[in-house]
């Protein structure tokens, strides 16, 4: 998180994907540093609610627009690229083509 905030050019204007996000600290830092869009993912469905609350507290406008969002992702069963229900292409938002991967 500190690296992203001290070097915003790494994410500024880019779509970012955070894998194994936990509470989403790196994803939130990327958004604060100027990322255009952030998708925070984790295998533990229990943390998704916490990530969504963190988005709502830190970027309330993004919670409604979907610019910063949380999704379940199981690496052992990756969604197909054209899967409309997969986390990279939720039905209510345009597809995410991340240029930056946060891990």
PDB file of N, CA and C in Angstrom:
ATOM      1  N   UNK A   1       0.832  -1.186   0.000  1.00  0.00           N
ATOM      2  CA  UNK A   1       0.000   0.000   0.000  1.00  0.00           C
ATOM      3  C   UNK A   1       0.878   1.251   0.000  1.00  0.00           C
ATOM      4  N   UNK A   2       1.922   1.239   0.828  1.00  0.00           N
ATOM      5  CA  UNK A   2       2.818   2.396   0.902  1.00  0.00           C
ATOM      6  C   UNK A   2       3.478   2.652  -0.452  1.00  0.00           C
ATOM      7  N   UNK A   3       3.907   1.598  -1.125  1.00  0.00           N
ATOM      8  CA  UNK A   3       4.542   1.751  -2.437  1.00  0.00           C
ATOM      9  C   UNK A   3       3.594   2.412  -3.425  1.00  0.00           C
ATOM     10  N   UNK A   4       2.337   1.969  -3.464  1.00  0.00           N
ATOM     11  CA  UNK A   4       1.368   2.537  -4.407  1.00  0.00           C
ATOM     12  C   UNK A   4       1.092   4.003  -4.123  1.00  0.00           C
ATOM     13  N   UNK A   5       1.004   4.346  -2.850  1.00  0.00           N
ATOM     14  CA  UNK A   5       0.735   5.740  -2.489  1.00  0.00           C
ATOM     15  C   UNK A   5       1.954   6.637  -2.721  1.00  0.00           C
ATOM     16  N   UNK A   6       3.147   6.069  -2.604  1.00  0.00           N
ATOM     17  CA  UNK A   6       4.354   6.872  -2.823  1.00  0.00           C
ATOM     18  C   UNK A   6       4.752   6.932  -4.298  1.00  0.00           C
ATOM     19  N   UNK A   7       4.240   6.002  -5.110  1.00  0.00           N
ATOM     20  CA  UNK A   7       4.526   5.990  -6.550  1.00  0.00           C
ATOM     21  C   UNK A   7       3.224   5.798  -7.326  1.00  0.00           C
ATOM     22  N   UNK A   8       2.331   6.783  -7.294  1.00  0.00           N
ATOM     23  CA  UNK A   8       1.010   6.637  -7.910  1.00  0.00           C
ATOM     24  C   UNK A   8       1.041   6.347  -9.404  1.00  0.00           C
ATOM     25  N   UNK A   9       2.120   6.693 -10.067  1.00  0.00           N
ATOM     26  CA  UNK A   9       2.225   6.428 -11.507  1.00  0.00           C
ATOM     27  C   UNK A   9       2.125   4.949 -11.856  1.00  0.00           C
ATOM     28  N   UNK A  10       2.358   4.087 -10.884  1.00  0.00           N
ATOM     29  CA  UNK A  10       2.257   2.647 -11.128  1.00  0.00           C
ATOM     30  C   UNK A  10       0.825   2.220 -11.456  1.00  0.00           C
ATOM     31  N   UNK A  11      -0.150   2.931 -10.910  1.00  0.00           N
ATOM     32  CA  UNK A  11      -1.557   2.528 -11.080  1.00  0.00           C
ATOM     33  C   UNK A  11      -2.447   3.621 -11.665  1.00  0.00           C
ATOM     34  N   UNK A  12      -1.985   4.835 -11.681  1.00  0.00           N
ATOM     35  CA  UNK A  12      -2.803   5.974 -12.092  1.00  0.00           C
ATOM     36  C   UNK A  12      -3.434   5.755 -13.464  1.00  0.00           C
ATOM     37  N   UNK A  13      -4.765   5.827 -13.493  1.00  0.00           N
ATOM     38  CA  UNK A  13      -5.512   5.692 -14.739  1.00  0.00           C
ATOM     39  C   UNK A  13      -5.697   4.273 -15.230  1.00  0.00           C
ATOM     40  N   UNK A  14      -5.150   3.286 -14.523  1.00  0.00           N
ATOM     41  CA  UNK A  14      -5.222   1.891 -14.965  1.00  0.00           C
ATOM     42  C   UNK A  14      -6.315   1.115 -14.242  1.00  0.00           C
ATOM     43  N   UNK A  15      -6.750   0.036 -14.871  1.00  0.00           N
ATOM     44  CA  UNK A  15      -7.627  -0.923 -14.212  1.00  0.00           C
ATOM     45  C   UNK A  15      -6.723  -1.880 -13.444  1.00  0.00           C
ATOM     46  N   UNK A  16      -7.082  -2.163 -12.188  1.00  0.00           N
ATOM     47  CA  UNK A  16      -6.263  -3.007 -11.324  1.00  0.00           C
ATOM     48  C   UNK A  16      -7.072  -4.191 -10.804  1.00  0.00           C
ATOM     49  N   UNK A  17      -6.401  -5.323 -10.687  1.00  0.00           N
ATOM     50  CA  UNK A  17      -6.978  -6.522 -10.108  1.00  0.00           C
ATOM     51  C   UNK A  17      -6.138  -6.899  -8.898  1.00  0.00           C
ATOM     52  N   UNK A  18      -6.778  -7.024  -7.734  1.00  0.00           N
ATOM     53  CA  UNK A  18      -6.079  -7.487  -6.543  1.00  0.00           C
ATOM     54  C   UNK A  18      -6.510  -8.922  -6.279  1.00  0.00           C
ATOM     55  N   UNK A  19      -5.541  -9.834  -6.198  1.00  0.00           N
ATOM     56  CA  UNK A  19      -5.848 -11.239  -5.922  1.00  0.00           C
ATOM     57  C   UNK A  19      -5.421 -11.559  -4.490  1.00  0.00           C
ATOM     58  N   UNK A  20      -6.224 -12.380  -3.828  1.00  0.00           N
ATOM     59  CA  UNK A  20      -5.953 -12.683  -2.422  1.00  0.00           C
ATOM     60  C   UNK A  20      -6.022 -11.411  -1.594  1.00  0.00           C
ATOM     61  N   UNK A  21      -7.066 -10.628  -1.804  1.00  0.00           N
ATOM     62  CA  UNK A  21      -7.151  -9.275  -1.255  1.00  0.00           C
ATOM     63  C   UNK A  21      -7.330  -9.199   0.255  1.00  0.00           C
ATOM     64  N   UNK A  22      -7.894 -10.211   0.882  1.00  0.00           N
ATOM     65  CA  UNK A  22      -8.149 -10.100   2.325  1.00  0.00           C
ATOM     66  C   UNK A  22      -9.101  -8.947   2.588  1.00  0.00           C
ATOM     67  N   UNK A  23      -8.653  -7.936   3.263  1.00  0.00           N
ATOM     68  CA  UNK A  23      -9.489  -6.767   3.538  1.00  0.00           C
ATOM     69  C   UNK A  23      -9.426  -5.721   2.423  1.00  0.00           C
ATOM     70  N   UNK A  24      -8.563  -5.936   1.431  1.00  0.00           N
ATOM     71  CA  UNK A  24      -8.511  -5.038   0.280  1.00  0.00           C
ATOM     72  C   UNK A  24      -7.635  -3.814   0.451  1.00  0.00           C
ATOM     73  N   UNK A  25      -6.659  -3.879   1.331  1.00  0.00           N
ATOM     74  CA  UNK A  25      -5.826  -2.703   1.606  1.00  0.00           C
ATOM     75  C   UNK A  25      -5.074  -2.242   0.360  1.00  0.00           C
ATOM     76  N   UNK A  26      -4.446  -3.175  -0.366  1.00  0.00           N
ATOM     77  CA  UNK A  26      -3.695  -2.774  -1.561  1.00  0.00           C
ATOM     78  C   UNK A  26      -4.632  -2.205  -2.627  1.00  0.00           C
ATOM     79  N   UNK A  27      -5.794  -2.814  -2.799  1.00  0.00           N
ATOM     80  CA  UNK A  27      -6.759  -2.312  -3.775  1.00  0.00           C
ATOM     81  C   UNK A  27      -7.256  -0.921  -3.427  1.00  0.00           C
ATOM     82  N   UNK A  28      -7.527  -0.695  -2.157  1.00  0.00           N
ATOM     83  CA  UNK A  28      -7.963   0.636  -1.722  1.00  0.00           C
ATOM     84  C   UNK A  28      -6.848   1.659  -1.905  1.00  0.00           C
ATOM     85  N   UNK A  29      -5.610   1.251  -1.649  1.00  0.00           N
ATOM     86  CA  UNK A  29      -4.472   2.154  -1.853  1.00  0.00           C
ATOM     87  C   UNK A  29      -4.318   2.472  -3.341  1.00  0.00           C
ATOM     88  N   UNK A  30      -4.527   1.473  -4.198  1.00  0.00           N
ATOM     89  CA  UNK A  30      -4.441   1.712  -5.637  1.00  0.00           C
ATOM     90  C   UNK A  30      -5.485   2.733  -6.072  1.00  0.00           C
ATOM     91  N   UNK A  31      -6.689   2.592  -5.575  1.00  0.00           N
ATOM     92  CA  UNK A  31      -7.749   3.549  -5.925  1.00  0.00           C
ATOM     93  C   UNK A  31      -7.410   4.943  -5.405  1.00  0.00           C
ATOM     94  N   UNK A  32      -6.891   5.010  -4.172  1.00  0.00           N
ATOM     95  CA  UNK A  32      -6.496   6.304  -3.603  1.00  0.00           C
ATOM     96  C   UNK A  32      -5.356   6.937  -4.402  1.00  0.00           C
ATOM     97  N   UNK A  33      -4.520   6.096  -5.013  1.00  0.00           N
ATOM     98  CA  UNK A  33      -3.392   6.590  -5.806  1.00  0.00           C
ATOM     99  C   UNK A  33      -3.808   6.962  -7.227  1.00  0.00           C
ATOM    100  N   UNK A  34      -5.075   6.752  -7.574  1.00  0.00           N
ATOM    101  CA  UNK A  34      -5.561   7.194  -8.869  1.00  0.00           C
ATOM    102  C   UNK A  34      -5.907   6.113  -9.863  1.00  0.00           C
ATOM    103  N   UNK A  35      -5.982   4.850  -9.428  1.00  0.00           N
ATOM    104  CA  UNK A  35      -6.409   3.797 -10.347  1.00  0.00           C
ATOM    105  C   UNK A  35      -7.807   4.116 -10.862  1.00  0.00           C
ATOM    106  N   UNK A  36      -8.041   3.844 -12.131  1.00  0.00           N
ATOM    107  CA  UNK A  36      -9.343   4.138 -12.725  1.00  0.00           C
ATOM    108  C   UNK A  36     -10.419   3.200 -12.202  1.00  0.00           C
ATOM    109  N   UNK A  37     -10.028   1.957 -11.946  1.00  0.00           N
ATOM    110  CA  UNK A  37     -10.981   0.938 -11.526  1.00  0.00           C
ATOM    111  C   UNK A  37     -10.213  -0.147 -10.780  1.00  0.00           C
ATOM    112  N   UNK A  38     -10.834  -0.715  -9.745  1.00  0.00           N
ATOM    113  CA  UNK A  38     -10.176  -1.758  -8.951  1.00  0.00           C
ATOM    114  C   UNK A  38     -11.163  -2.885  -8.674  1.00  0.00           C
ATOM    115  N   UNK A  39     -10.721  -4.117  -8.945  1.00  0.00           N
ATOM    116  CA  UNK A  39     -11.479  -5.302  -8.574  1.00  0.00           C
ATOM    117  C   UNK A  39     -10.636  -6.065  -7.555  1.00  0.00           C
ATOM    118  N   UNK A  40     -11.146  -6.179  -6.334  1.00  0.00           N
ATOM    119  CA  UNK A  40     -10.459  -6.893  -5.254  1.00  0.00           C
ATOM    120  C   UNK A  40     -11.096  -8.274  -5.148  1.00  0.00           C
ATOM    121  N   UNK A  41     -10.278  -9.332  -5.187  1.00  0.00           N
ATOM    122  CA  UNK A  41     -10.818 -10.692  -5.155  1.00  0.00           C
ATOM    123  C   UNK A  41     -10.193 -11.503  -4.031  1.00  0.00           C
ATOM    124  N   UNK A  42     -10.954 -12.493  -3.571  1.00  0.00           N
ATOM    125  CA  UNK A  42     -10.450 -13.408  -2.546  1.00  0.00           C
ATOM    126  C   UNK A  42     -11.233 -14.710  -2.617  1.00  0.00           C
ATOM    127  N   UNK A  43     -10.606 -15.766  -2.147  1.00  0.00           N
ATOM    128  CA  UNK A  43     -11.231 -17.079  -2.085  1.00  0.00           C
ATOM    129  C   UNK A  43     -12.187 -17.196  -0.904  1.00  0.00           C
ATOM    130  N   UNK A  44     -11.927 -16.445   0.155  1.00  0.00           N
ATOM    131  CA  UNK A  44     -12.735 -16.518   1.378  1.00  0.00           C
ATOM    132  C   UNK A  44     -13.966 -15.620   1.241  1.00  0.00           C
ATOM    133  N   UNK A  45     -15.108 -16.240   1.012  1.00  0.00           N
ATOM    134  CA  UNK A  45     -16.345 -15.482   0.821  1.00  0.00           C
ATOM    135  C   UNK A  45     -16.693 -14.640   2.042  1.00  0.00           C
ATOM    136  N   UNK A  46     -16.206 -15.026   3.216  1.00  0.00           N
ATOM    137  CA  UNK A  46     -16.511 -14.270   4.437  1.00  0.00           C
ATOM    138  C   UNK A  46     -15.911 -12.867   4.404  1.00  0.00           C
ATOM    139  N   UNK A  47     -14.783 -12.679   3.721  1.00  0.00           N
ATOM    140  CA  UNK A  47     -14.154 -11.355   3.720  1.00  0.00           C
ATOM    141  C   UNK A  47     -14.759 -10.410   2.692  1.00  0.00           C
ATOM    142  N   UNK A  48     -15.552 -10.927   1.748  1.00  0.00           N
ATOM    143  CA  UNK A  48     -16.133 -10.058   0.721  1.00  0.00           C
ATOM    144  C   UNK A  48     -16.970  -8.946   1.327  1.00  0.00           C
ATOM    145  N   UNK A  49     -17.768  -9.274   2.328  1.00  0.00           N
ATOM    146  CA  UNK A  49     -18.578  -8.257   3.002  1.00  0.00           C
ATOM    147  C   UNK A  49     -17.719  -7.180   3.641  1.00  0.00           C
ATOM    148  N   UNK A  50     -16.593  -7.590   4.217  1.00  0.00           N
ATOM    149  CA  UNK A  50     -15.682  -6.620   4.827  1.00  0.00           C
ATOM    150  C   UNK A  50     -15.050  -5.718   3.763  1.00  0.00           C
ATOM    151  N   UNK A  51     -14.676  -6.313   2.630  1.00  0.00           N
ATOM    152  CA  UNK A  51     -14.117  -5.509   1.549  1.00  0.00           C
ATOM    153  C   UNK A  51     -15.147  -4.502   1.049  1.00  0.00           C
ATOM    154  N   UNK A  52     -16.385  -4.952   0.881  1.00  0.00           N
ATOM    155  CA  UNK A  52     -17.443  -4.050   0.414  1.00  0.00           C
ATOM    156  C   UNK A  52     -17.668  -2.908   1.400  1.00  0.00           C
ATOM    157  N   UNK A  53     -17.617  -3.201   2.701  1.00  0.00           N
ATOM    158  CA  UNK A  53     -17.749  -2.142   3.713  1.00  0.00           C
ATOM    159  C   UNK A  53     -16.583  -1.169   3.630  1.00  0.00           C
ATOM    160  N   UNK A  54     -15.364  -1.694   3.408  1.00  0.00           N
ATOM    161  CA  UNK A  54     -14.200  -0.820   3.285  1.00  0.00           C
ATOM    162  C   UNK A  54     -14.314   0.100   2.080  1.00  0.00           C
ATOM    163  N   UNK A  55     -14.850  -0.422   0.990  1.00  0.00           N
ATOM    164  CA  UNK A  55     -15.074   0.421  -0.197  1.00  0.00           C
ATOM    165  C   UNK A  55     -16.096   1.503   0.132  1.00  0.00           C
ATOM    166  N   UNK A  56     -17.200   1.117   0.755  1.00  0.00           N
ATOM    167  CA  UNK A  56     -18.259   2.081   1.083  1.00  0.00           C
ATOM    168  C   UNK A  56     -17.756   3.165   2.026  1.00  0.00           C
ATOM    169  N   UNK A  57     -16.880   2.806   2.965  1.00  0.00           N
ATOM    170  CA  UNK A  57     -16.350   3.793   3.911  1.00  0.00           C
ATOM    171  C   UNK A  57     -15.324   4.724   3.275  1.00  0.00           C
ATOM    172  N   UNK A  58     -14.490   4.180   2.390  1.00  0.00           N
ATOM    173  CA  UNK A  58     -13.388   4.964   1.819  1.00  0.00           C
ATOM    174  C   UNK A  58     -13.730   5.630   0.486  1.00  0.00           C
ATOM    175  N   UNK A  59     -14.579   4.987  -0.303  1.00  0.00           N
ATOM    176  CA  UNK A  59     -14.955   5.508  -1.615  1.00  0.00           C
ATOM    177  C   UNK A  59     -16.447   5.295  -1.839  1.00  0.00           C
ATOM    178  N   UNK A  60     -17.299   6.025  -1.104  1.00  0.00           N
ATOM    179  CA  UNK A  60     -18.749   5.795  -1.201  1.00  0.00           C
ATOM    180  C   UNK A  60     -19.290   5.931  -2.621  1.00  0.00           C
ATOM    181  N   UNK A  61     -18.725   6.842  -3.408  1.00  0.00           N
ATOM    182  CA  UNK A  61     -19.194   7.009  -4.783  1.00  0.00           C
ATOM    183  C   UNK A  61     -18.865   5.777  -5.632  1.00  0.00           C
ATOM    184  N   UNK A  62     -17.779   5.077  -5.306  1.00  0.00           N
ATOM    185  CA  UNK A  62     -17.392   3.877  -6.053  1.00  0.00           C
ATOM    186  C   UNK A  62     -18.284   2.688  -5.710  1.00  0.00           C
ATOM    187  N   UNK A  63     -18.799   2.653  -4.502  1.00  0.00           N
ATOM    188  CA  UNK A  63     -19.674   1.549  -4.097  1.00  0.00           C
ATOM    189  C   UNK A  63     -20.899   1.488  -5.005  1.00  0.00           C
ATOM    190  N   UNK A  64     -21.411   2.644  -5.385  1.00  0.00           N
ATOM    191  CA  UNK A  64     -22.592   2.701  -6.254  1.00  0.00           C
ATOM    192  C   UNK A  64     -22.224   2.488  -7.727  1.00  0.00           C
ATOM    193  N   UNK A  65     -21.101   3.039  -8.147  1.00  0.00           N
ATOM    194  CA  UNK A  65     -20.729   2.970  -9.562  1.00  0.00           C
ATOM    195  C   UNK A  65     -20.044   1.675  -9.953  1.00  0.00           C
ATOM    196  N   UNK A  66     -19.466   0.968  -8.971  1.00  0.00           N
ATOM    197  CA  UNK A  66     -18.742  -0.258  -9.276  1.00  0.00           C
ATOM    198  C   UNK A  66     -17.304  -0.040  -9.690  1.00  0.00           C
ATOM    199  N   UNK A  67     -16.800   1.188  -9.572  1.00  0.00           N
ATOM    200  CA  UNK A  67     -15.399   1.452  -9.942  1.00  0.00           C
ATOM    201  C   UNK A  67     -14.425   0.721  -9.033  1.00  0.00           C
ATOM    202  N   UNK A  68     -14.818   0.506  -7.785  1.00  0.00           N
ATOM    203  CA  UNK A  68     -14.036  -0.294  -6.852  1.00  0.00           C
ATOM    204  C   UNK A  68     -14.995  -1.324  -6.288  1.00  0.00           C
ATOM    205  N   UNK A  69     -14.684  -2.607  -6.490  1.00  0.00           N
ATOM    206  CA  UNK A  69     -15.621  -3.644  -6.070  1.00  0.00           C
ATOM    207  C   UNK A  69     -14.885  -4.898  -5.600  1.00  0.00           C
ATOM    208  N   UNK A  70     -15.632  -5.769  -4.949  1.00  0.00           N
ATOM    209  CA  UNK A  70     -15.093  -7.019  -4.413  1.00  0.00           C
ATOM    210  C   UNK A  70     -15.793  -8.195  -5.080  1.00  0.00           C
ATOM    211  N   UNK A  71     -15.046  -9.275  -5.293  1.00  0.00           N
ATOM    212  CA  UNK A  71     -15.630 -10.471  -5.909  1.00  0.00           C
ATOM    213  C   UNK A  71     -14.910 -11.715  -5.404  1.00  0.00           C
ATOM    214  N   UNK A  72     -15.644 -12.821  -5.378  1.00  0.00           N
ATOM    215  CA  UNK A  72     -15.092 -14.123  -5.033  1.00  0.00           C
ATOM    216  C   UNK A  72     -14.284 -14.641  -6.218  1.00  0.00           C
ATOM    217  N   UNK A  73     -13.105 -15.187  -5.956  1.00  0.00           N
ATOM    218  CA  UNK A  73     -12.305 -15.794  -7.017  1.00  0.00           C
ATOM    219  C   UNK A  73     -11.591 -17.013  -6.466  1.00  0.00           C
ATOM    220  N   UNK A  74     -11.865 -18.157  -7.064  1.00  0.00           N
ATOM    221  CA  UNK A  74     -11.210 -19.418  -6.724  1.00  0.00           C
ATOM    222  C   UNK A  74     -10.205 -19.709  -7.836  1.00  0.00           C
ATOM    223  N   UNK A  75      -8.913 -19.600  -7.540  1.00  0.00           N
ATOM    224  CA  UNK A  75      -7.880 -19.795  -8.560  1.00  0.00           C
ATOM    225  C   UNK A  75      -7.904 -21.188  -9.153  1.00  0.00           C
ATOM    226  N   UNK A  76      -8.399 -22.179  -8.411  1.00  0.00           N
ATOM    227  CA  UNK A  76      -8.416 -23.539  -8.941  1.00  0.00           C
ATOM    228  C   UNK A  76      -9.530 -23.718  -9.967  1.00  0.00           C
ATOM    229  N   UNK A  77     -10.455 -22.768 -10.027  1.00  0.00           N
ATOM    230  CA  UNK A  77     -11.557 -22.822 -10.987  1.00  0.00           C
ATOM    231  C   UNK A  77     -11.739 -21.449 -11.627  1.00  0.00           C
ATOM    232  N   UNK A  78     -10.759 -21.017 -12.411  1.00  0.00           N
ATOM    233  CA  UNK A  78     -10.869 -19.679 -12.999  1.00  0.00           C
ATOM    234  C   UNK A  78     -12.039 -19.594 -13.967  1.00  0.00           C
ATOM    235  N   UNK A  79     -12.707 -18.454 -13.990  1.00  0.00           N
ATOM    236  CA  UNK A  79     -13.827 -18.291 -14.922  1.00  0.00           C
ATOM    237  C   UNK A  79     -13.310 -18.200 -16.347  1.00  0.00           C
ATOM    238  N   UNK A  80     -14.150 -18.587 -17.280  1.00  0.00           N
ATOM    239  CA  UNK A  80     -13.789 -18.424 -18.678  1.00  0.00           C
ATOM    240  C   UNK A  80     -13.780 -16.945 -19.033  1.00  0.00           C
ATOM    241  N   UNK A  81     -12.982 -16.578 -19.995  1.00  0.00           N
ATOM    242  CA  UNK A  81     -12.881 -15.176 -20.402  1.00  0.00           C
ATOM    243  C   UNK A  81     -14.238 -14.633 -20.823  1.00  0.00           C
ATOM    244  N   UNK A  82     -15.043 -15.462 -21.463  1.00  0.00           N
ATOM    245  CA  UNK A  82     -16.348 -15.020 -21.940  1.00  0.00           C
ATOM    246  C   UNK A  82     -17.481 -15.329 -20.972  1.00  0.00           C
ATOM    247  N   UNK A  83     -17.153 -15.753 -19.742  1.00  0.00           N
ATOM    248  CA  UNK A  83     -18.162 -16.118 -18.747  1.00  0.00           C
ATOM    249  C   UNK A  83     -18.822 -14.851 -18.211  1.00  0.00           C
ATOM    250  N   UNK A  84     -20.095 -14.581 -18.560  1.00  0.00           N
ATOM    251  CA  UNK A  84     -20.733 -13.338 -18.115  1.00  0.00           C
ATOM    252  C   UNK A  84     -20.971 -13.279 -16.613  1.00  0.00           C
ATOM    253  N   UNK A  85     -20.883 -14.394 -15.914  1.00  0.00           N
ATOM    254  CA  UNK A  85     -21.095 -14.395 -14.473  1.00  0.00           C
ATOM    255  C   UNK A  85     -19.785 -14.474 -13.693  1.00  0.00           C
ATOM    256  N   UNK A  86     -18.665 -14.544 -14.392  1.00  0.00           N
ATOM    257  CA  UNK A  86     -17.366 -14.617 -13.729  1.00  0.00           C
ATOM    258  C   UNK A  86     -16.993 -13.287 -13.105  1.00  0.00           C
ATOM    259  N   UNK A  87     -16.084 -13.270 -12.134  1.00  0.00           N
ATOM    260  CA  UNK A  87     -15.736 -12.036 -11.440  1.00  0.00           C
ATOM    261  C   UNK A  87     -15.071 -10.989 -12.318  1.00  0.00           C
ATOM    262  N   UNK A  88     -14.517 -11.409 -13.468  1.00  0.00           N
ATOM    263  CA  UNK A  88     -13.889 -10.419 -14.335  1.00  0.00           C
ATOM    264  C   UNK A  88     -14.888  -9.741 -15.246  1.00  0.00           C
ATOM    265  N   UNK A  89     -16.104 -10.235 -15.256  1.00  0.00           N
ATOM    266  CA  UNK A  89     -17.127  -9.665 -16.129  1.00  0.00           C
ATOM    267  C   UNK A  89     -18.491  -9.730 -15.450  1.00  0.00           C
ATOM    268  N   UNK A  90     -18.655  -9.088 -14.290  1.00  0.00           N
ATOM    269  CA  UNK A  90     -19.964  -9.116 -13.628  1.00  0.00           C
ATOM    270  C   UNK A  90     -21.029  -8.543 -14.548  1.00  0.00           C
ATOM    271  N   UNK A  91     -22.224  -9.090 -14.475  1.00  0.00           N
ATOM    272  CA  UNK A  91     -23.280  -8.704 -15.406  1.00  0.00           C
ATOM    273  C   UNK A  91     -23.672  -7.233 -15.298  1.00  0.00           C
ATOM    274  N   UNK A  92     -23.404  -6.593 -14.169  1.00  0.00           N
ATOM    275  CA  UNK A  92     -23.812  -5.197 -14.006  1.00  0.00           C
ATOM    276  C   UNK A  92     -22.701  -4.200 -14.322  1.00  0.00           C
ATOM    277  N   UNK A  93     -21.548  -4.665 -14.785  1.00  0.00           N
ATOM    278  CA  UNK A  93     -20.443  -3.753 -15.101  1.00  0.00           C
ATOM    279  C   UNK A  93     -19.748  -4.207 -16.381  1.00  0.00           C
ATOM    280  N   UNK A  94     -19.054  -3.289 -17.055  1.00  0.00           N
ATOM    281  CA  UNK A  94     -18.301  -3.694 -18.244  1.00  0.00           C
ATOM    282  C   UNK A  94     -17.146  -4.606 -17.848  1.00  0.00           C
ATOM    283  N   UNK A  95     -16.624  -5.384 -18.800  1.00  0.00           N
ATOM    284  CA  UNK A  95     -15.518  -6.291 -18.494  1.00  0.00           C
ATOM    285  C   UNK A  95     -14.298  -5.535 -17.983  1.00  0.00           C
ATOM    286  N   UNK A  96     -13.568  -6.165 -17.073  1.00  0.00           N
ATOM    287  CA  UNK A  96     -12.334  -5.586 -16.550  1.00  0.00           C
ATOM    288  C   UNK A  96     -11.164  -6.233 -17.263  1.00  0.00           C
ATOM    289  N   UNK A  97     -10.311  -5.428 -17.831  1.00  0.00           N
ATOM    290  CA  UNK A  97      -9.082  -5.891 -18.464  1.00  0.00           C
ATOM    291  C   UNK A  97      -7.931  -5.232 -17.714  1.00  0.00           C
ATOM    292  N   UNK A  98      -7.529  -5.810 -16.573  1.00  0.00           N
ATOM    293  CA  UNK A  98      -6.547  -5.133 -15.726  1.00  0.00           C
ATOM    294  C   UNK A  98      -5.168  -5.041 -16.362  1.00  0.00           C
ATOM    295  N   UNK A  99      -4.567  -3.888 -16.219  1.00  0.00           N
ATOM    296  CA  UNK A  99      -3.191  -3.703 -16.644  1.00  0.00           C
ATOM    297  C   UNK A  99      -2.248  -3.942 -15.470  1.00  0.00           C
ATOM    298  N   UNK A 100      -2.774  -3.790 -14.255  1.00  0.00           N
ATOM    299  CA  UNK A 100      -1.974  -3.946 -13.051  1.00  0.00           C
ATOM    300  C   UNK A 100      -2.581  -5.054 -12.199  1.00  0.00           C
ATOM    301  N   UNK A 101      -1.738  -6.008 -11.775  1.00  0.00           N
ATOM    302  CA  UNK A 101      -2.167  -7.086 -10.876  1.00  0.00           C
ATOM    303  C   UNK A 101      -1.494  -6.846  -9.529  1.00  0.00           C
ATOM    304  N   UNK A 102      -2.297  -6.802  -8.474  1.00  0.00           N
ATOM    305  CA  UNK A 102      -1.785  -6.625  -7.110  1.00  0.00           C
ATOM    306  C   UNK A 102      -1.929  -7.960  -6.389  1.00  0.00           C
ATOM    307  N   UNK A 103      -0.893  -8.374  -5.693  1.00  0.00           N
ATOM    308  CA  UNK A 103      -0.965  -9.649  -4.971  1.00  0.00           C
ATOM    309  C   UNK A 103      -0.314  -9.517  -3.602  1.00  0.00           C
TER     310      UNK A 103
END
